[in-house]
Protein backbone atom coordinates (compact mmCIF):
# COMPACT_ATOMS: atom_id res chain seq x y z
CA MET A 1 -0.36 0.29 -0.14
CA ASP A 2 3.35 2.19 0.48
CA ASP A 3 3.40 2.96 -3.49
CA TYR A 4 -0.73 4.34 -3.36
CA PRO A 5 -0.91 7.36 -1.52
CA LEU A 6 -3.81 7.90 0.44
CA LEU A 7 -4.54 11.29 -1.34
CA ASN A 8 -4.62 8.85 -4.28
CA VAL A 9 -7.20 6.63 -2.59
CA PHE A 10 -9.63 9.62 -2.01
CA TRP A 11 -9.47 10.93 -5.66
CA THR A 12 -9.72 7.53 -7.16
CA MET A 13 -13.12 7.22 -4.70
CA MET A 14 -14.26 10.64 -5.58
CA TRP A 15 -14.02 10.08 -9.78
CA PHE A 16 -15.48 6.77 -8.78
CA PHE A 17 -18.12 8.48 -7.30
CA LEU A 18 -18.62 10.77 -10.02
CA TRP A 19 -18.56 8.29 -12.34
CA ILE A 20 -21.48 6.72 -10.61
CA MET A 21 -23.64 10.18 -10.65
CA TRP A 22 -22.75 10.46 -14.38
CA LEU A 23 -24.35 7.01 -15.11
CA PHE A 24 -27.32 7.73 -12.97
CA LEU A 25 -27.91 10.79 -14.65
CA LEU A 26 -27.60 9.19 -18.39
CA PHE A 27 -30.25 6.43 -17.14
CA LYS A 28 -32.43 9.25 -15.80
CA VAL A 29 -31.97 11.46 -18.89
CA ILE A 30 -32.73 8.09 -21.07
CA THR A 31 -35.67 6.95 -19.56
CA ASP A 32 -37.22 10.84 -19.84
CA ILE A 33 -36.55 10.63 -23.34
CA PHE A 34 -38.72 7.56 -23.77
CA ARG A 35 -41.47 8.74 -21.23
CA ASP A 36 -41.79 12.38 -22.69
CA HIS A 37 -45.25 12.25 -24.87
CA GLU A 38 -44.47 15.44 -26.47
CA LEU A 39 -41.22 13.96 -28.27
CA ASN A 40 -42.26 12.70 -31.55
CA GLY A 41 -39.96 9.60 -32.46
CA TRP A 42 -37.71 11.39 -34.94
CA ALA A 43 -36.84 13.94 -31.76
CA LYS A 44 -36.42 11.01 -29.34
CA ALA A 45 -33.68 9.39 -32.06
CA GLY A 46 -32.43 12.39 -32.35
CA TRP A 47 -31.51 12.72 -28.53
CA LEU A 48 -30.98 9.63 -27.91
CA ILE A 49 -27.85 9.39 -31.23
CA PHE A 50 -26.80 12.65 -29.50
CA CYS A 51 -26.65 11.30 -25.74
CA ILE A 52 -25.20 7.52 -27.23
CA LEU A 53 -22.10 9.34 -29.67
CA LEU A 54 -21.37 12.58 -27.70
CA PRO A 55 -22.64 11.28 -23.93
CA PHE A 56 -21.01 14.13 -21.92
CA LEU A 57 -22.24 16.73 -24.04
CA GLY A 58 -25.68 14.92 -24.86
CA VAL A 59 -26.55 14.66 -21.06
CA PHE A 60 -25.58 17.83 -20.03
CA VAL A 61 -27.44 19.63 -23.30
CA TYR A 62 -30.55 17.77 -22.91
CA VAL A 63 -30.53 18.35 -18.96
CA ILE A 64 -30.01 22.22 -19.67
CA ALA A 65 -32.64 22.13 -22.57
CA ARG A 66 -35.52 20.06 -20.92
CA GLY A 67 -34.87 19.88 -17.54
CA LYS A 68 -37.71 21.50 -16.28
CA GLY A 69 -39.64 18.86 -18.30
CA MET A 70 -38.14 15.95 -16.41
CA SER A 71 -39.42 17.32 -13.02
CA ARG A 72 -42.97 17.85 -14.38
CA ARG A 73 -42.92 14.36 -15.82
CA ASP A 74 -41.24 12.88 -12.66
CA VAL A 75 -44.36 14.51 -10.50
CA LYS A 76 -46.58 13.35 -13.06
CA GLN A 77 -45.91 9.84 -13.19
CA ALA A 78 -45.68 9.53 -8.82
CA LYS A 79 -49.17 11.24 -9.13
CA GLU A 80 -50.50 8.84 -11.70
CA SER A 81 -48.97 5.94 -9.42
CA GLU A 82 -50.12 7.06 -6.49
CA ALA A 83 -53.83 7.37 -7.77
CA ALA A 84 -53.58 3.99 -9.32
CA PHE A 85 -52.21 2.41 -6.00
CA GLN A 86 -55.10 4.36 -4.06
CA ASP A 87 -57.61 2.82 -6.27
CA TYR A 88 -56.03 -0.64 -6.61
CA ILE A 89 -56.84 -0.17 -2.25
CA ARG A 90 -60.32 1.10 -2.87
CA LYS A 91 -61.43 -1.87 -5.03
CA THR A 92 -59.41 -4.47 -2.92
CA ALA A 93 -60.88 -3.56 0.15
CA GLY A 94 -64.37 -3.51 -1.67
CA ALA A 95 -64.13 -6.38 -2.76
CA GLN A 96 -63.27 -8.19 0.55
CA GLY A 97 -66.21 -6.55 2.34
CA GLY A 98 -65.03 -3.65 4.36
CA GLY A 99 -68.57 -2.22 4.95
CA GLY A 100 -69.94 -4.78 2.75
CA ALA A 101 -71.62 -6.77 5.53
CA THR A 102 -73.04 -3.50 7.41
CA ASP A 103 -74.50 -2.58 3.89
CA GLU A 104 -76.47 -5.91 3.98
CA LEU A 105 -77.65 -5.92 7.06
CA ALA A 106 -78.86 -2.45 6.52
CA ARG A 107 -80.65 -3.88 3.56
CA LEU A 108 -82.06 -7.10 5.21
CA ALA A 109 -83.44 -4.78 7.86
CA ASP A 110 -85.31 -2.07 5.92
CA LEU A 111 -86.76 -5.23 3.78
CA LYS A 112 -88.03 -6.82 7.43
CA GLU A 113 -89.44 -3.32 7.83
CA LYS A 114 -91.38 -3.15 4.78
CA GLY A 115 -92.75 -6.43 5.00
CA ALA A 116 -91.14 -8.25 2.26
CA ILE A 117 -89.44 -10.85 4.03
CA THR A 118 -90.19 -12.41 7.66
CA ALA A 119 -88.88 -12.13 10.90
CA GLU A 120 -87.16 -15.78 10.63
CA GLU A 121 -85.81 -15.22 7.14
CA PHE A 122 -84.48 -12.12 8.34
CA GLU A 123 -82.78 -14.03 11.05
CA LYS A 124 -81.64 -16.38 8.66
CA ALA A 125 -80.29 -14.09 6.41
CA LYS A 126 -78.94 -12.19 8.99
CA ALA A 127 -76.82 -15.59 10.37
CA LYS A 128 -75.38 -16.08 6.83
CA VAL A 129 -74.12 -12.85 6.25
CA LEU A 130 -72.37 -12.72 9.97
CA SER A 131 -70.98 -16.02 9.35
């Protein structure tokens, strides 16, 4: 370890960290290119070619030119994902009877009061709902 001083270790770690951050940014830009519905196919292809042939310049120009749109698309996707998740929860909770038994008992009680079912039928249906 004497031939590789501590300062060189720090420099190597810094360059490795910057390289990883640049890769993260490159993948973020490529993802954003495909996610953007405002760009047509040719524009997407042009940005991809620019980012592949001149990676550093292409990524930085894309971030400068379309950076605000990237954040808007991220927020929009997060909201859509949250809405889909909440919708899934509502559907799943409704399918498992969260409140369904209460509604069913209220409906049965209403039918009994109106005389549509007898007290005996009400008790049988109530036992079935509660089981």
